[in-house]
Amino acid sequence: MASYDSERPSGAARLRRWLKLLVVLGLAVWWGLALWVVHETSRPRNRAVAERSEIAGHPVEKVKLRAKDKVEVSTWWVPVDREHAVILVAGIGMSREANLPAAEFYANRGWSVLMPDLRGTGESSPERITFGWYEARDIAACREFLTGRGFSTIGVHGRSLGAAAALYEASSDGVPAFLVLESPYSDIRLALAQRLPRVPMPELSFFPVRVLASIMLGVHAGDLRPVDVIRRCATPTLLLGGQLDRETMPSELEAMLQACPGGAQAPALLRGRAALRVRQVRAGGVAHGRRRLPRRDPVLGRRTRTSPGPAMPRSVCANRAGARNSSGCSGPQGGAQ
């Protein structure tokens, strides 16, 4: 038991004691903030989706699918054609409603449309968001649904996180007829650094975020690199981005384009921040803003013969026409427009 006549600690000893306490508190705050970041960025964002009876004059069916890990995927199914279908995948936290303009675009051009809520969003199972990694299983379930109905041509059009999920699925579970990737992140570490407040030494500062994310989400940050995955993609691919998009930088699209070994062309970078929308162009990014939809067939690369629509801007294909192989992407047949 301490007594008033005990020997008084020296000033150096007291300083060491306070320094130890500050280090412990600092580590607790550092890892606590990291836990909050992982929780907030990956928490489910489920919400009710308003009912719809038709899209572009075609009836809408509400279909429940089940991924291979038993996660329930809620979708809208818009049957138009019996051979050609496209899966529309929204970005982080968005429900299938975010893809209504794109659904109208494809349906008006004769494509059947399947619009899923990825896990953790809309009315699908309230799972944690894994930045596209396990969401790829939801896209695989959509592809199985369409294959079971006899569709021979199935494309995938993804935005932001949905674009990354589409790429992960295409490189592992199957080869879609085409991919349209709007503002996909190239590396999750870079994506987090660009979306969170600037910190000194980001590689070190985000170390606990990467560790906790691996534990909580079941995927290592080093695997969340679409720029590496696209090297294994053997699918005609269109990359879209915005010049002023600060969440998916033009340099990221350039890096992904250069990762394709089949003769990349310059990327289509629209003014401002441009998301695919039907009628408007506003300053703002592709998946992170507004932009007009092309009038051309996403696979054949030629003008459609349906109702008038916005003009096709200069576009990007990941490889030259017909340059399909097992190790890299190939561009939509007909090349860049």
Protein backbone atom coordinates (compact mmCIF):
# COMPACT_ATOMS: atom_id res chain seq x y z
CA MET A 1 0.00 0.00 0.00
CA ALA A 2 1.35 3.43 -1.02
CA SER A 3 2.16 5.88 1.71
CA TYR A 4 2.88 9.61 1.80
CA ASP A 5 6.40 8.86 2.88
CA SER A 6 7.01 6.51 -0.10
CA GLU A 7 9.75 7.52 -2.49
CA ARG A 8 8.45 10.02 -5.06
CA PRO A 9 8.82 8.88 -8.72
CA SER A 10 11.30 10.89 -10.72
CA GLY A 11 10.13 13.27 -13.44
CA ALA A 12 11.44 10.93 -16.13
CA ALA A 13 9.46 8.01 -14.70
CA ARG A 14 6.24 10.08 -14.64
CA LEU A 15 6.87 11.19 -18.24
CA ARG A 16 7.34 7.59 -19.38
CA ARG A 17 4.10 6.61 -17.64
CA TRP A 18 2.16 9.38 -19.42
CA LEU A 19 3.76 8.56 -22.76
CA LYS A 20 2.70 4.93 -22.41
CA LEU A 21 -0.85 6.04 -21.59
CA LEU A 22 -0.93 8.36 -24.62
CA VAL A 23 0.36 5.59 -26.90
CA VAL A 24 -2.34 3.20 -25.66
CA LEU A 25 -5.04 5.86 -26.08
CA GLY A 26 -3.72 6.75 -29.54
CA LEU A 27 -3.78 3.13 -30.67
CA ALA A 28 -7.29 2.71 -29.28
CA VAL A 29 -8.50 5.80 -31.15
CA TRP A 30 -6.69 4.72 -34.36
CA TRP A 31 -8.19 1.24 -34.38
CA GLY A 32 -11.54 2.53 -33.15
CA LEU A 33 -11.76 4.96 -36.06
CA ALA A 34 -10.76 2.15 -38.43
CA LEU A 35 -13.56 -0.03 -37.04
CA TRP A 36 -16.05 2.82 -37.58
CA VAL A 37 -14.84 3.35 -41.18
CA VAL A 38 -15.22 -0.35 -42.03
CA HIS A 39 -18.63 -0.53 -40.38
CA GLU A 40 -19.98 2.60 -42.07
CA THR A 41 -18.69 1.76 -45.55
CA SER A 42 -19.85 -1.87 -45.46
CA ARG A 43 -23.09 -1.71 -43.45
CA PRO A 44 -26.24 -2.89 -45.28
CA ARG A 45 -28.29 -0.17 -46.94
CA ASN A 46 -31.57 -2.01 -47.41
CA ARG A 47 -34.79 -0.14 -48.04
CA ALA A 48 -38.18 -0.75 -49.61
CA VAL A 49 -38.39 -0.36 -53.39
CA ALA A 50 -41.49 1.19 -54.92
CA GLU A 51 -43.56 -1.18 -57.03
CA ARG A 52 -43.52 -0.84 -60.82
CA SER A 53 -45.85 -2.49 -63.28
CA GLU A 54 -44.00 -1.61 -66.49
CA ILE A 55 -40.74 -0.24 -67.89
CA ALA A 56 -40.69 1.23 -71.39
CA GLY A 57 -44.10 -0.30 -72.02
CA HIS A 58 -43.03 -3.83 -71.02
CA PRO A 59 -44.41 -5.65 -67.95
CA VAL A 60 -42.22 -5.95 -64.87
CA GLU A 61 -42.05 -9.19 -62.90
CA LYS A 62 -40.66 -9.27 -59.37
CA VAL A 63 -38.36 -12.29 -59.10
CA LYS A 64 -36.48 -13.61 -56.05
CA LEU A 65 -33.21 -15.40 -56.78
CA ARG A 66 -30.78 -17.18 -54.47
CA ALA A 67 -27.01 -16.95 -54.76
CA LYS A 68 -24.83 -19.98 -54.15
CA ASP A 69 -24.14 -18.82 -50.57
CA LYS A 70 -27.94 -18.77 -49.91
CA VAL A 71 -28.21 -14.97 -50.05
CA GLU A 72 -31.59 -13.86 -51.42
CA VAL A 73 -31.43 -11.46 -54.37
CA SER A 74 -34.50 -9.38 -55.19
CA THR A 75 -34.86 -8.39 -58.87
CA TRP A 76 -37.09 -6.84 -61.49
CA TRP A 77 -37.41 -8.91 -64.63
CA VAL A 78 -38.45 -7.15 -67.85
CA PRO A 79 -38.92 -9.74 -70.63
CA VAL A 80 -38.61 -8.17 -74.09
CA ASP A 81 -36.57 -10.50 -76.31
CA ARG A 82 -36.09 -14.27 -76.00
CA GLU A 83 -32.39 -14.38 -76.91
CA HIS A 84 -30.74 -11.14 -75.76
CA ALA A 85 -30.70 -9.94 -72.15
CA VAL A 86 -28.68 -7.53 -70.04
CA ILE A 87 -28.11 -7.50 -66.27
CA LEU A 88 -28.05 -3.96 -64.82
CA VAL A 89 -26.04 -3.59 -61.61
CA ALA A 90 -26.14 -0.42 -59.50
CA GLY A 91 -23.43 1.20 -57.39
CA ILE A 92 -22.82 1.07 -53.65
CA GLY A 93 -25.93 1.58 -51.56
CA MET A 94 -28.17 1.96 -54.62
CA SER A 95 -31.23 -0.15 -55.37
CA ARG A 96 -32.41 -1.35 -58.77
CA GLU A 97 -34.38 1.88 -59.12
CA ALA A 98 -31.12 3.68 -59.92
CA ASN A 99 -30.96 1.77 -63.21
CA LEU A 100 -34.40 2.72 -64.52
CA PRO A 101 -33.06 5.06 -67.26
CA ALA A 102 -30.63 2.41 -68.49
CA ALA A 103 -33.39 -0.22 -68.35
CA GLU A 104 -35.57 1.94 -70.59
CA PHE A 105 -32.64 2.40 -72.96
CA TYR A 106 -32.03 -1.32 -73.38
CA ALA A 107 -35.72 -2.29 -73.45
CA ASN A 108 -36.42 0.29 -76.17
CA ARG A 109 -33.71 -1.40 -78.24
CA GLY A 110 -35.12 -4.87 -77.90
CA TRP A 111 -33.13 -6.26 -74.95
CA SER A 112 -34.71 -8.09 -72.03
CA VAL A 113 -33.55 -6.59 -68.73
CA LEU A 114 -32.82 -8.10 -65.32
CA MET A 115 -32.33 -5.57 -62.50
CA PRO A 116 -31.06 -7.01 -59.21
CA ASP A 117 -30.65 -5.40 -55.82
CA LEU A 118 -27.18 -6.51 -54.80
CA ARG A 119 -26.86 -7.98 -51.31
CA GLY A 120 -27.08 -5.33 -48.63
CA THR A 121 -29.16 -3.00 -50.81
CA GLY A 122 -32.80 -2.57 -51.77
CA GLU A 123 -34.90 -5.59 -50.82
CA SER A 124 -32.18 -8.25 -50.99
CA SER A 125 -30.68 -9.95 -47.93
CA PRO A 126 -29.13 -7.47 -45.46
CA GLU A 127 -25.56 -8.67 -45.85
CA ARG A 128 -22.47 -6.53 -45.42
CA ILE A 129 -21.25 -4.79 -48.57
CA THR A 130 -17.98 -6.30 -49.84
CA PHE A 131 -17.19 -3.78 -52.60
CA GLY A 132 -18.15 -6.16 -55.37
CA TRP A 133 -16.37 -9.34 -54.21
CA TYR A 134 -19.30 -11.41 -52.93
CA GLU A 135 -21.79 -9.29 -54.88
CA ALA A 136 -20.36 -11.11 -57.92
CA ARG A 137 -22.29 -14.17 -56.66
CA ASP A 138 -25.52 -12.18 -57.04
CA ILE A 139 -24.66 -11.50 -60.68
CA ALA A 140 -23.86 -15.19 -61.16
CA ALA A 141 -27.34 -16.04 -59.82
CA CYS A 142 -28.82 -13.60 -62.34
CA ARG A 143 -26.86 -15.23 -65.16
CA GLU A 144 -28.07 -18.69 -64.11
CA PHE A 145 -31.66 -17.41 -64.14
CA LEU A 146 -31.26 -16.09 -67.70
CA THR A 147 -29.40 -19.16 -68.93
CA GLY A 148 -32.17 -21.34 -67.53
CA ARG A 149 -34.65 -19.37 -69.63
CA GLY A 150 -32.69 -20.06 -72.79
CA PHE A 151 -30.98 -16.71 -73.37
CA SER A 152 -27.94 -17.07 -75.62
CA THR A 153 -26.60 -13.50 -75.37
CA ILE A 154 -26.24 -12.09 -71.86
CA GLY A 155 -24.43 -8.82 -71.14
CA VAL A 156 -23.71 -7.05 -67.86
CA HIS A 157 -23.78 -3.28 -67.33
CA GLY A 158 -22.42 -2.15 -63.96
CA ARG A 159 -21.89 1.17 -62.23
CA SER A 160 -19.13 1.89 -59.69
CA LEU A 161 -19.22 -1.03 -57.20
CA GLY A 162 -21.56 -2.84 -59.60
CA ALA A 163 -18.94 -2.49 -62.34
CA ALA A 164 -16.31 -4.08 -60.09
CA ALA A 165 -18.70 -6.92 -59.20
CA ALA A 166 -19.43 -7.51 -62.89
CA LEU A 167 -15.71 -7.76 -63.60
CA TYR A 168 -15.08 -10.17 -60.69
CA GLU A 169 -17.93 -12.40 -61.89
CA ALA A 170 -16.83 -12.31 -65.53
CA SER A 171 -13.30 -13.38 -64.63
CA SER A 172 -14.34 -16.37 -62.52
CA ASP A 173 -17.84 -17.71 -63.17
CA GLY A 174 -18.42 -17.10 -66.85
CA VAL A 175 -17.89 -14.98 -69.93
CA PRO A 176 -20.74 -12.56 -70.66
CA ALA A 177 -21.43 -11.34 -74.20
CA PHE A 178 -20.21 -7.88 -73.18
CA LEU A 179 -19.39 -5.71 -70.18
CA VAL A 180 -20.16 -2.02 -69.76
CA LEU A 181 -18.18 -0.67 -66.79
CA GLU A 182 -19.08 2.83 -65.55
CA SER A 183 -16.47 4.36 -63.27
CA PRO A 184 -15.14 1.14 -61.72
CA TYR A 185 -12.56 1.61 -58.98
CA SER A 186 -9.16 0.19 -59.91
CA ASP A 187 -7.88 -0.60 -56.39
CA ILE A 188 -9.94 -0.52 -53.18
CA ARG A 189 -7.06 1.07 -51.28
CA LEU A 190 -6.95 3.94 -53.74
CA ALA A 191 -10.75 4.17 -53.71
CA LEU A 192 -10.82 4.53 -49.92
CA ALA A 193 -8.04 7.11 -49.96
CA GLN A 194 -10.00 9.21 -52.46
CA ARG A 195 -13.32 8.96 -50.60
CA LEU A 196 -12.09 9.51 -47.03
CA PRO A 197 -10.47 12.64 -45.56
CA ARG A 198 -6.85 13.08 -46.51
CA VAL A 199 -4.45 11.69 -43.94
CA PRO A 200 -0.66 11.64 -43.72
CA MET A 201 1.04 8.43 -44.83
CA PRO A 202 -2.17 6.79 -46.13
CA GLU A 203 -0.59 3.34 -46.51
CA LEU A 204 0.21 3.31 -42.80
CA SER A 205 -2.88 5.23 -41.69
CA PHE A 206 -5.25 2.77 -43.40
CA PHE A 207 -3.43 -0.34 -42.17
CA PRO A 208 -6.03 -1.12 -39.44
CA VAL A 209 -8.83 -0.49 -41.95
CA ARG A 210 -7.40 -3.17 -44.24
CA VAL A 211 -6.92 -5.62 -41.36
CA LEU A 212 -10.42 -5.12 -39.93
CA ALA A 213 -12.02 -5.21 -43.39
CA SER A 214 -10.39 -8.57 -44.07
CA ILE A 215 -11.78 -9.92 -40.79
CA MET A 216 -15.27 -8.42 -41.03
CA LEU A 217 -15.86 -8.88 -44.77
CA GLY A 218 -13.97 -12.08 -45.47
CA VAL A 219 -11.94 -10.65 -48.34
CA HIS A 220 -8.39 -9.32 -48.40
CA ALA A 221 -7.90 -5.76 -49.62
CA GLY A 222 -5.17 -7.02 -51.97
CA ASP A 223 -7.80 -9.04 -53.86
CA LEU A 224 -10.01 -5.99 -54.48
CA ARG A 225 -8.04 -4.79 -57.49
CA PRO A 226 -10.09 -4.72 -60.71
CA VAL A 227 -6.99 -3.41 -62.47
CA ASP A 228 -5.48 -6.89 -61.97
CA VAL A 229 -8.70 -8.82 -62.57
CA ILE A 230 -9.27 -7.21 -65.96
CA ARG A 231 -6.13 -8.97 -67.22
CA ARG A 232 -8.03 -12.26 -66.94
CA CYS A 233 -11.20 -10.95 -68.57
CA ALA A 234 -11.99 -12.48 -71.96
CA THR A 235 -15.04 -10.33 -72.64
CA PRO A 236 -15.78 -7.39 -74.99
CA THR A 237 -15.57 -4.48 -72.56
CA LEU A 238 -16.56 -0.80 -72.65
CA LEU A 239 -15.03 1.51 -70.02
CA LEU A 240 -16.69 4.86 -69.26
CA GLY A 241 -15.54 7.70 -67.02
CA GLY A 242 -15.84 11.43 -66.32
CA GLN A 243 -13.04 13.98 -66.52
CA LEU A 244 -14.01 15.64 -63.24
CA ASP A 245 -14.88 12.47 -61.37
CA ARG A 246 -12.91 12.61 -58.12
CA GLU A 247 -14.00 9.17 -56.94
CA THR A 248 -12.87 7.24 -60.01
CA MET A 249 -10.03 9.25 -61.51
CA PRO A 250 -9.35 9.25 -65.28
CA SER A 251 -5.90 7.85 -64.45
CA GLU A 252 -7.58 4.76 -62.95
CA LEU A 253 -9.43 4.06 -66.20
CA GLU A 254 -6.18 4.57 -68.11
CA ALA A 255 -4.48 2.02 -65.85
CA MET A 256 -7.28 -0.51 -66.35
CA LEU A 257 -7.20 0.05 -70.09
CA GLN A 258 -3.45 -0.48 -70.21
CA ALA A 259 -3.87 -3.70 -68.19
CA CYS A 260 -5.69 -5.24 -71.16
CA PRO A 261 -3.01 -6.85 -73.35
CA GLY A 262 -4.90 -6.71 -76.64
CA GLY A 263 -4.23 -3.19 -77.93
CA ALA A 264 -6.04 -0.64 -75.78
CA GLN A 265 -7.55 2.53 -77.22
CA ALA A 266 -7.89 5.92 -75.51
CA PRO A 267 -10.68 6.02 -72.89
CA ALA A 268 -13.92 7.96 -73.39
CA LEU A 269 -13.79 10.70 -70.78
CA LEU A 270 -16.86 12.91 -70.79
CA ARG A 271 -16.87 16.46 -69.53
CA GLY A 272 -17.76 16.75 -65.88
CA ARG A 273 -18.96 13.81 -63.83
CA ALA A 274 -21.15 11.65 -66.01
CA ALA A 275 -23.55 8.88 -65.12
CA LEU A 276 -25.65 7.19 -67.74
CA ARG A 277 -28.93 9.05 -67.97
CA VAL A 278 -31.25 9.34 -70.91
CA ARG A 279 -31.98 13.00 -71.55
CA GLN A 280 -29.60 15.29 -69.71
CA VAL A 281 -25.95 16.25 -69.60
CA ARG A 282 -24.87 18.04 -66.44
CA ALA A 283 -21.52 18.93 -64.99
CA GLY A 284 -21.10 16.69 -62.30
CA GLY A 285 -19.04 12.17 -63.43
CA VAL A 286 -20.05 8.20 -65.47
CA ALA A 287 -21.41 6.46 -62.33
CA HIS A 288 -20.95 9.57 -60.20
CA GLY A 289 -22.97 12.22 -62.14
CA ARG A 290 -24.92 12.48 -65.44
CA ARG A 291 -24.39 11.74 -69.12
CA ARG A 292 -26.33 10.80 -72.25
CA LEU A 293 -26.79 7.21 -73.26
CA PRO A 294 -25.37 6.04 -76.59
CA ARG A 295 -27.60 5.21 -79.56
CA ARG A 296 -25.48 2.24 -80.56
CA ASP A 297 -25.83 -1.42 -79.87
CA PRO A 298 -23.42 -2.20 -76.97
CA VAL A 299 -22.32 -5.46 -78.61
CA LEU A 300 -22.43 -4.80 -82.34
CA GLY A 301 -21.15 -1.24 -82.08
CA ARG A 302 -23.50 0.07 -84.76
CA ARG A 303 -26.43 2.46 -84.67
CA THR A 304 -29.74 1.06 -83.58
CA ARG A 305 -32.81 1.36 -85.79
CA THR A 306 -35.25 2.21 -83.05
CA SER A 307 -36.59 5.53 -81.82
CA PRO A 308 -34.28 8.57 -81.85
CA GLY A 309 -31.96 9.02 -78.90
CA PRO A 310 -28.87 10.96 -77.87
CA ALA A 311 -25.77 10.71 -80.02
CA MET A 312 -22.98 8.29 -79.18
CA PRO A 313 -19.85 10.00 -77.82
CA ARG A 314 -16.40 8.70 -78.63
CA SER A 315 -16.09 5.54 -76.60
CA VAL A 316 -13.57 3.13 -75.21
CA CYS A 317 -13.12 -0.51 -75.92
CA ALA A 318 -10.62 -2.47 -73.91
CA ASN A 319 -9.22 -4.26 -76.95
CA ARG A 320 -9.56 -4.11 -80.67
CA ALA A 321 -12.52 -5.66 -82.41
CA GLY A 322 -12.53 -9.42 -82.23
CA ALA A 323 -9.34 -9.62 -80.17
CA ARG A 324 -10.79 -12.18 -77.77
CA ASN A 325 -8.47 -14.43 -75.82
CA SER A 326 -8.22 -16.11 -72.45
CA SER A 327 -5.79 -13.63 -70.94
CA GLY A 328 -7.21 -10.22 -71.77
CA CYS A 329 -10.25 -8.15 -72.60
CA SER A 330 -11.53 -7.56 -76.08
CA GLY A 331 -13.39 -4.54 -77.36
CA PRO A 332 -16.95 -4.53 -78.65
CA GLN A 333 -17.08 -5.79 -82.21
CA GLY A 334 -16.74 -2.90 -84.57
CA GLY A 335 -14.19 -1.09 -82.39
CA ALA A 336 -14.50 2.33 -80.79
CA GLN A 337 -17.01 4.69 -82.24
